[in-house]
Amino acid sequence: MPHRTRPMTALLLFTGLNAVLMSTITPVYDFVCFLPYWERRRERRRQEREAASTKGFGSS
């Protein structure tokens, strides 16, 4: 074998990397899911649905 394997170093590196990724996922998730863009889009779609439903009632 040309080099020495270091399973403990690999395990620690893997665990550390996962810990860093897990600690950063919550702020990223909150940022993406609660962007004002999504709030505006949800409100716009609600208004469009209400306008379509009132237009449908007016034509009958």
N, C-alpha and C. Protein backbone atom coordinates (compact mmCIF):
# COMPACT_ATOMS: atom_id res chain seq x y z
N MET A 1 0.84 -1.18 0.00
CA MET A 1 0.00 0.00 0.00
C MET A 1 0.89 1.25 0.00
N PRO A 2 0.73 2.15 -0.94
CA PRO A 2 1.63 3.28 -1.04
C PRO A 2 1.46 4.32 0.09
N HIS A 3 0.30 4.37 0.71
CA HIS A 3 0.11 5.32 1.80
C HIS A 3 -0.67 4.66 2.93
N ARG A 4 -0.58 5.28 4.08
CA ARG A 4 -1.25 4.74 5.25
C ARG A 4 -2.70 5.21 5.28
N THR A 5 -3.62 4.30 5.55
CA THR A 5 -5.01 4.73 5.69
C THR A 5 -5.22 5.25 7.10
N ARG A 6 -6.06 6.26 7.20
CA ARG A 6 -6.33 6.86 8.51
C ARG A 6 -7.84 6.91 8.73
N PRO A 7 -8.41 5.80 9.17
CA PRO A 7 -9.87 5.75 9.31
C PRO A 7 -10.39 6.72 10.37
N MET A 8 -9.63 6.94 11.44
CA MET A 8 -10.10 7.83 12.50
C MET A 8 -10.14 9.28 11.99
N THR A 9 -9.13 9.69 11.24
CA THR A 9 -9.12 11.04 10.68
C THR A 9 -10.28 11.22 9.71
N ALA A 10 -10.53 10.23 8.89
CA ALA A 10 -11.63 10.30 7.94
C ALA A 10 -12.97 10.37 8.67
N LEU A 11 -13.11 9.58 9.71
CA LEU A 11 -14.35 9.59 10.49
C LEU A 11 -14.56 10.95 11.16
N LEU A 12 -13.53 11.51 11.75
CA LEU A 12 -13.64 12.81 12.40
C LEU A 12 -13.94 13.91 11.39
N LEU A 13 -13.30 13.84 10.25
CA LEU A 13 -13.56 14.83 9.20
C LEU A 13 -15.00 14.74 8.71
N PHE A 14 -15.46 13.52 8.48
CA PHE A 14 -16.83 13.30 8.03
C PHE A 14 -17.84 13.79 9.06
N THR A 15 -17.61 13.47 10.33
CA THR A 15 -18.51 13.89 11.40
C THR A 15 -18.49 15.40 11.55
N GLY A 16 -17.32 16.00 11.49
CA GLY A 16 -17.22 17.45 11.60
C GLY A 16 -17.91 18.18 10.46
N LEU A 17 -17.73 17.67 9.27
CA LEU A 17 -18.38 18.28 8.11
C LEU A 17 -19.90 18.18 8.23
N ASN A 18 -20.40 17.03 8.66
CA ASN A 18 -21.84 16.88 8.85
C ASN A 18 -22.36 17.80 9.94
N ALA A 19 -21.60 17.98 11.00
CA ALA A 19 -22.03 18.89 12.08
C ALA A 19 -22.13 20.32 11.56
N VAL A 20 -21.15 20.74 10.77
CA VAL A 20 -21.18 22.09 10.21
C VAL A 20 -22.38 22.26 9.28
N LEU A 21 -22.61 21.28 8.42
CA LEU A 21 -23.74 21.36 7.49
C LEU A 21 -25.07 21.37 8.24
N MET A 22 -25.20 20.57 9.27
CA MET A 22 -26.45 20.53 10.03
C MET A 22 -26.69 21.83 10.78
N SER A 23 -25.63 22.48 11.25
CA SER A 23 -25.81 23.73 11.99
C SER A 23 -26.16 24.89 11.05
N THR A 24 -25.83 24.76 9.77
CA THR A 24 -26.15 25.86 8.84
C THR A 24 -27.44 25.63 8.09
N ILE A 25 -28.05 24.45 8.18
CA ILE A 25 -29.23 24.19 7.38
C ILE A 25 -30.45 24.96 7.88
N THR A 26 -30.58 25.16 9.17
CA THR A 26 -31.76 25.86 9.71
C THR A 26 -31.83 27.31 9.24
N PRO A 27 -30.76 28.11 9.35
CA PRO A 27 -30.86 29.48 8.84
C PRO A 27 -31.09 29.55 7.34
N VAL A 28 -30.50 28.63 6.60
CA VAL A 28 -30.70 28.61 5.15
C VAL A 28 -32.15 28.26 4.83
N TYR A 29 -32.69 27.26 5.51
CA TYR A 29 -34.08 26.87 5.31
C TYR A 29 -35.02 28.03 5.63
N ASP A 30 -34.79 28.70 6.76
CA ASP A 30 -35.63 29.83 7.14
C ASP A 30 -35.53 30.95 6.12
N PHE A 31 -34.34 31.22 5.63
CA PHE A 31 -34.15 32.28 4.65
C PHE A 31 -34.91 31.98 3.36
N VAL A 32 -34.80 30.74 2.89
CA VAL A 32 -35.43 30.38 1.63
C VAL A 32 -36.95 30.30 1.78
N CYS A 33 -37.42 29.71 2.85
CA CYS A 33 -38.86 29.47 2.99
C CYS A 33 -39.63 30.71 3.40
N PHE A 34 -39.00 31.64 4.08
CA PHE A 34 -39.73 32.80 4.57
C PHE A 34 -39.31 34.08 3.88
N LEU A 35 -38.83 33.96 2.65
CA LEU A 35 -38.51 35.15 1.87
C LEU A 35 -39.77 35.96 1.60
N PRO A 36 -39.69 37.27 1.60
CA PRO A 36 -40.88 38.08 1.27
C PRO A 36 -41.45 37.75 -0.10
N TYR A 37 -40.60 37.28 -1.02
CA TYR A 37 -41.10 36.91 -2.35
C TYR A 37 -42.21 35.89 -2.24
N TRP A 38 -42.02 34.86 -1.41
CA TRP A 38 -43.04 33.81 -1.29
C TRP A 38 -44.30 34.35 -0.65
N GLU A 39 -44.13 35.26 0.33
CA GLU A 39 -45.31 35.86 0.97
C GLU A 39 -46.11 36.66 -0.05
N ARG A 40 -45.42 37.47 -0.86
CA ARG A 40 -46.12 38.27 -1.87
C ARG A 40 -46.79 37.36 -2.90
N ARG A 41 -46.09 36.30 -3.30
CA ARG A 41 -46.65 35.38 -4.29
C ARG A 41 -47.89 34.70 -3.75
N ARG A 42 -47.83 34.26 -2.48
CA ARG A 42 -48.98 33.61 -1.87
C ARG A 42 -50.18 34.56 -1.81
N GLU A 43 -49.91 35.80 -1.43
CA GLU A 43 -50.98 36.81 -1.36
C GLU A 43 -51.56 37.10 -2.75
N ARG A 44 -50.70 37.21 -3.76
CA ARG A 44 -51.16 37.47 -5.12
C ARG A 44 -52.03 36.32 -5.61
N ARG A 45 -51.62 35.09 -5.35
CA ARG A 45 -52.41 33.94 -5.79
C ARG A 45 -53.74 33.88 -5.07
N ARG A 46 -53.75 34.25 -3.78
CA ARG A 46 -55.02 34.27 -3.04
C ARG A 46 -55.97 35.29 -3.64
N GLN A 47 -55.44 36.47 -3.98
CA GLN A 47 -56.28 37.50 -4.58
C GLN A 47 -56.80 37.06 -5.94
N GLU A 48 -55.96 36.39 -6.72
CA GLU A 48 -56.41 35.89 -8.03
C GLU A 48 -57.52 34.85 -7.87
N ARG A 49 -57.38 33.96 -6.89
CA ARG A 49 -58.42 32.96 -6.65
C ARG A 49 -59.73 33.62 -6.23
N GLU A 50 -59.63 34.62 -5.33
CA GLU A 50 -60.85 35.33 -4.90
C GLU A 50 -61.50 36.05 -6.08
N ALA A 51 -60.69 36.68 -6.92
CA ALA A 51 -61.24 37.40 -8.08
C ALA A 51 -61.91 36.40 -9.03
N ALA A 52 -61.31 35.24 -9.23
CA ALA A 52 -61.90 34.24 -10.13
C ALA A 52 -63.19 33.70 -9.54
N SER A 53 -63.23 33.49 -8.23
CA SER A 53 -64.45 32.93 -7.63
C SER A 53 -65.59 33.96 -7.62
N THR A 54 -65.28 35.23 -7.39
CA THR A 54 -66.35 36.26 -7.42
C THR A 54 -66.81 36.49 -8.85
N LYS A 55 -65.91 36.38 -9.81
CA LYS A 55 -66.30 36.55 -11.22
C LYS A 55 -67.22 35.39 -11.62
N GLY A 56 -66.93 34.20 -11.14
CA GLY A 56 -67.77 33.04 -11.44
C GLY A 56 -69.17 33.19 -10.86
N PHE A 57 -69.29 33.76 -9.66
CA PHE A 57 -70.61 33.96 -9.05
C PHE A 57 -71.40 35.04 -9.78
N GLY A 58 -70.74 36.05 -10.28
CA GLY A 58 -71.42 37.14 -10.95
C GLY A 58 -72.01 36.76 -12.30
N SER A 59 -71.47 35.74 -12.94
CA SER A 59 -71.94 35.37 -14.28
C SER A 59 -73.14 34.46 -14.25
N SER A 60 -73.50 33.88 -13.08
CA SER A 60 -74.64 32.95 -13.06
C SER A 60 -75.97 33.60 -12.87
